[in-house]
Amino acid sequence: VDCVYFEELEAEVTIVAVQGDIHLPEKHVVPLKYLFPTKQDDSVLNIDSTANCLDQYRVFYNHLWRPWDGEGDENNDWVLDHLESRLKLFYDMKNGVISAEATRHIRSLLEEVEK
């Protein structure tokens, strides 16, 4: 990762190696949710901490944040308004409190909205 664009939640990366006969541009800008640490950088980076942060971001982005959350009134406090109920829904679906059928239905509705 050469540069992180925090406001856009993206990073500029340099491709250092690929497997097979694949030709890619050397530089890419990618969403942070697609980044995974692949090697230890002894100079600055704590790989375990970085991997943990990226995993937490992916859980948040994939299971708690919704496309419509970025719209509307900027005066709302998203954490106070939504975090507890979204976490409860996430864990209820994950732990079987909500039936598998209902969980599949909820996920399919969310996938439709995100398209």
C-alpha atoms as a PDB file:
ATOM      1  CA  VAL A   1       0.000   0.000   0.000  1.00  0.00           C
ATOM      2  CA  ASP A   2       1.509   3.274  -1.113  1.00  0.00           C
ATOM      3  CA  CYS A   3      -1.171   5.690   0.050  1.00  0.00           C
ATOM      4  CA  VAL A   4      -4.485   5.494   1.927  1.00  0.00           C
ATOM      5  CA  TYR A   5      -7.334   7.845   0.984  1.00  0.00           C
ATOM      6  CA  PHE A   6      -9.247   7.869   4.256  1.00  0.00           C
ATOM      7  CA  GLU A   7     -12.228   9.952   3.117  1.00  0.00           C
ATOM      8  CA  GLU A   8     -12.854   7.617   0.170  1.00  0.00           C
ATOM      9  CA  LEU A   9     -11.940   4.463   2.161  1.00  0.00           C
ATOM     10  CA  GLU A  10      -9.558   3.474  -0.624  1.00  0.00           C
ATOM     11  CA  ALA A  11      -5.851   2.820  -0.994  1.00  0.00           C
ATOM     12  CA  GLU A  12      -3.348   3.061  -3.806  1.00  0.00           C
ATOM     13  CA  VAL A  13      -1.438  -0.195  -4.086  1.00  0.00           C
ATOM     14  CA  THR A  14       1.522  -1.406  -6.091  1.00  0.00           C
ATOM     15  CA  ILE A  15       1.312  -4.926  -7.486  1.00  0.00           C
ATOM     16  CA  VAL A  16       4.557  -6.674  -6.590  1.00  0.00           C
ATOM     17  CA  ALA A  17       3.778 -10.217  -7.798  1.00  0.00           C
ATOM     18  CA  VAL A  18       1.036 -12.248  -9.447  1.00  0.00           C
ATOM     19  CA  GLN A  19       0.624 -15.968 -10.009  1.00  0.00           C
ATOM     20  CA  GLY A  20       0.306 -17.309 -13.509  1.00  0.00           C
ATOM     21  CA  ASP A  21       0.311 -15.478 -16.797  1.00  0.00           C
ATOM     22  CA  ILE A  22      -1.651 -12.415 -15.657  1.00  0.00           C
ATOM     23  CA  HIS A  23      -0.790  -8.919 -16.811  1.00  0.00           C
ATOM     24  CA  LEU A  24      -1.910  -6.109 -14.517  1.00  0.00           C
ATOM     25  CA  PRO A  25      -1.016  -2.436 -14.301  1.00  0.00           C
ATOM     26  CA  GLU A  26       1.566  -1.850 -11.597  1.00  0.00           C
ATOM     27  CA  LYS A  27      -0.624   0.623  -9.631  1.00  0.00           C
ATOM     28  CA  HIS A  28      -4.294   0.329  -8.595  1.00  0.00           C
ATOM     29  CA  VAL A  29      -6.700   2.236  -6.357  1.00  0.00           C
ATOM     30  CA  VAL A  30      -8.866  -0.255  -4.452  1.00  0.00           C
ATOM     31  CA  PRO A  31     -11.488  -0.131  -1.669  1.00  0.00           C
ATOM     32  CA  LEU A  32     -10.003  -0.897   1.754  1.00  0.00           C
ATOM     33  CA  LYS A  33     -12.417  -3.817   2.185  1.00  0.00           C
ATOM     34  CA  TYR A  34     -10.454  -5.714  -0.499  1.00  0.00           C
ATOM     35  CA  LEU A  35      -7.060  -5.369   1.208  1.00  0.00           C
ATOM     36  CA  PHE A  36      -5.399  -8.226   3.056  1.00  0.00           C
ATOM     37  CA  PRO A  37      -1.884  -8.125   4.515  1.00  0.00           C
ATOM     38  CA  THR A  38       0.337 -10.536   2.610  1.00  0.00           C
ATOM     39  CA  LYS A  39       3.793 -10.027   4.086  1.00  0.00           C
ATOM     40  CA  GLN A  40       5.494  -8.630   7.152  1.00  0.00           C
ATOM     41  CA  ASP A  41       6.901  -5.121   6.883  1.00  0.00           C
ATOM     42  CA  ASP A  42       9.460  -4.878   9.660  1.00  0.00           C
ATOM     43  CA  SER A  43       9.970  -1.157   9.257  1.00  0.00           C
ATOM     44  CA  VAL A  44       6.622   0.265  10.407  1.00  0.00           C
ATOM     45  CA  LEU A  45       3.689  -2.082   9.988  1.00  0.00           C
ATOM     46  CA  ASN A  46       2.374  -4.349  12.721  1.00  0.00           C
ATOM     47  CA  ILE A  47       0.842  -7.052  10.514  1.00  0.00           C
ATOM     48  CA  ASP A  48      -1.424  -8.550  13.208  1.00  0.00           C
ATOM     49  CA  SER A  49      -2.876  -5.184  14.187  1.00  0.00           C
ATOM     50  CA  THR A  50      -3.341  -4.189  10.544  1.00  0.00           C
ATOM     51  CA  ALA A  51      -5.062  -7.474   9.681  1.00  0.00           C
ATOM     52  CA  ASN A  52      -7.343  -7.127  12.721  1.00  0.00           C
ATOM     53  CA  CYS A  53      -8.325  -3.566  11.761  1.00  0.00           C
ATOM     54  CA  LEU A  54      -9.090  -4.599   8.181  1.00  0.00           C
ATOM     55  CA  ASP A  55     -11.173  -7.570   9.390  1.00  0.00           C
ATOM     56  CA  GLN A  56     -13.180  -5.318  11.717  1.00  0.00           C
ATOM     57  CA  TYR A  57     -13.723  -2.823   8.911  1.00  0.00           C
ATOM     58  CA  ARG A  58     -14.981  -5.616   6.614  1.00  0.00           C
ATOM     59  CA  VAL A  59     -17.442  -6.869   9.260  1.00  0.00           C
ATOM     60  CA  PHE A  60     -18.711  -3.325   9.740  1.00  0.00           C
ATOM     61  CA  TYR A  61     -18.974  -2.597   6.019  1.00  0.00           C
ATOM     62  CA  ASN A  62     -20.443  -5.989   5.024  1.00  0.00           C
ATOM     63  CA  HIS A  63     -22.857  -6.543   7.925  1.00  0.00           C
ATOM     64  CA  LEU A  64     -23.675  -3.288   9.703  1.00  0.00           C
ATOM     65  CA  TRP A  65     -23.413  -0.404   7.226  1.00  0.00           C
ATOM     66  CA  ARG A  66     -26.114  -0.076   4.580  1.00  0.00           C
ATOM     67  CA  PRO A  67     -25.998   1.856   1.289  1.00  0.00           C
ATOM     68  CA  TRP A  68     -28.666   4.280   2.491  1.00  0.00           C
ATOM     69  CA  ASP A  69     -26.722   5.155   5.647  1.00  0.00           C
ATOM     70  CA  GLY A  70     -24.608   7.687   3.765  1.00  0.00           C
ATOM     71  CA  GLU A  71     -27.644   9.570   2.516  1.00  0.00           C
ATOM     72  CA  GLY A  72     -29.786  12.160   4.203  1.00  0.00           C
ATOM     73  CA  ASP A  73     -29.308  14.292   7.264  1.00  0.00           C
ATOM     74  CA  GLU A  74     -25.680  14.692   8.351  1.00  0.00           C
ATOM     75  CA  ASN A  75     -26.881  15.822  11.801  1.00  0.00           C
ATOM     76  CA  ASN A  76     -27.887  12.284  12.772  1.00  0.00           C
ATOM     77  CA  ASP A  77     -25.603  10.319  15.064  1.00  0.00           C
ATOM     78  CA  TRP A  78     -25.304   6.983  13.250  1.00  0.00           C
ATOM     79  CA  VAL A  79     -23.794   5.201  16.258  1.00  0.00           C
ATOM     80  CA  LEU A  80     -26.610   6.257  18.593  1.00  0.00           C
ATOM     81  CA  ASP A  81     -29.321   5.721  16.005  1.00  0.00           C
ATOM     82  CA  HIS A  82     -28.267   2.403  14.461  1.00  0.00           C
ATOM     83  CA  LEU A  83     -25.249   0.574  15.890  1.00  0.00           C
ATOM     84  CA  GLU A  84     -26.949  -1.329  18.710  1.00  0.00           C
ATOM     85  CA  SER A  85     -29.882  -2.555  16.590  1.00  0.00           C
ATOM     86  CA  ARG A  86     -27.597  -3.524  13.679  1.00  0.00           C
ATOM     87  CA  LEU A  87     -25.268  -5.460  15.993  1.00  0.00           C
ATOM     88  CA  LYS A  88     -28.249  -7.225  17.577  1.00  0.00           C
ATOM     89  CA  LEU A  89     -29.618  -8.216  14.161  1.00  0.00           C
ATOM     90  CA  PHE A  90     -26.172  -9.388  13.013  1.00  0.00           C
ATOM     91  CA  TYR A  91     -25.596 -11.560  16.098  1.00  0.00           C
ATOM     92  CA  ASP A  92     -29.187 -12.873  16.150  1.00  0.00           C
ATOM     93  CA  MET A  93     -28.788 -13.994  12.530  1.00  0.00           C
ATOM     94  CA  LYS A  94     -25.326 -15.445  13.180  1.00  0.00           C
ATOM     95  CA  ASN A  95     -26.339 -17.314  16.361  1.00  0.00           C
ATOM     96  CA  GLY A  96     -29.614 -18.756  15.035  1.00  0.00           C
ATOM     97  CA  VAL A  97     -31.954 -16.617  17.123  1.00  0.00           C
ATOM     98  CA  ILE A  98     -33.516 -15.631  13.803  1.00  0.00           C
ATOM     99  CA  SER A  99     -34.450 -18.682  11.728  1.00  0.00           C
ATOM    100  CA  ALA A 100     -32.268 -19.700   8.790  1.00  0.00           C
ATOM    101  CA  GLU A 101     -35.180 -19.044   6.421  1.00  0.00           C
ATOM    102  CA  ALA A 102     -35.716 -15.525   7.774  1.00  0.00           C
ATOM    103  CA  THR A 103     -31.955 -14.891   7.681  1.00  0.00           C
ATOM    104  CA  ARG A 104     -31.788 -15.919   4.007  1.00  0.00           C
ATOM    105  CA  HIS A 105     -34.752 -13.666   3.246  1.00  0.00           C
ATOM    106  CA  ILE A 106     -33.190 -10.680   5.029  1.00  0.00           C
ATOM    107  CA  ARG A 107     -29.880 -11.212   3.218  1.00  0.00           C
ATOM    108  CA  SER A 108     -31.606 -11.485  -0.165  1.00  0.00           C
ATOM    109  CA  LEU A 109     -33.486  -8.237   0.481  1.00  0.00           C
ATOM    110  CA  LEU A 110     -30.245  -6.499   1.406  1.00  0.00           C
ATOM    111  CA  GLU A 111     -28.521  -7.842  -1.723  1.00  0.00           C
ATOM    112  CA  GLU A 112     -31.365  -6.447  -3.876  1.00  0.00           C
ATOM    113  CA  VAL A 113     -31.007  -3.014  -2.319  1.00  0.00           C
ATOM    114  CA  GLU A 114     -27.235  -3.005  -2.778  1.00  0.00           C
ATOM    115  CA  LYS A 115     -27.422  -3.728  -6.520  1.00  0.00           C
END
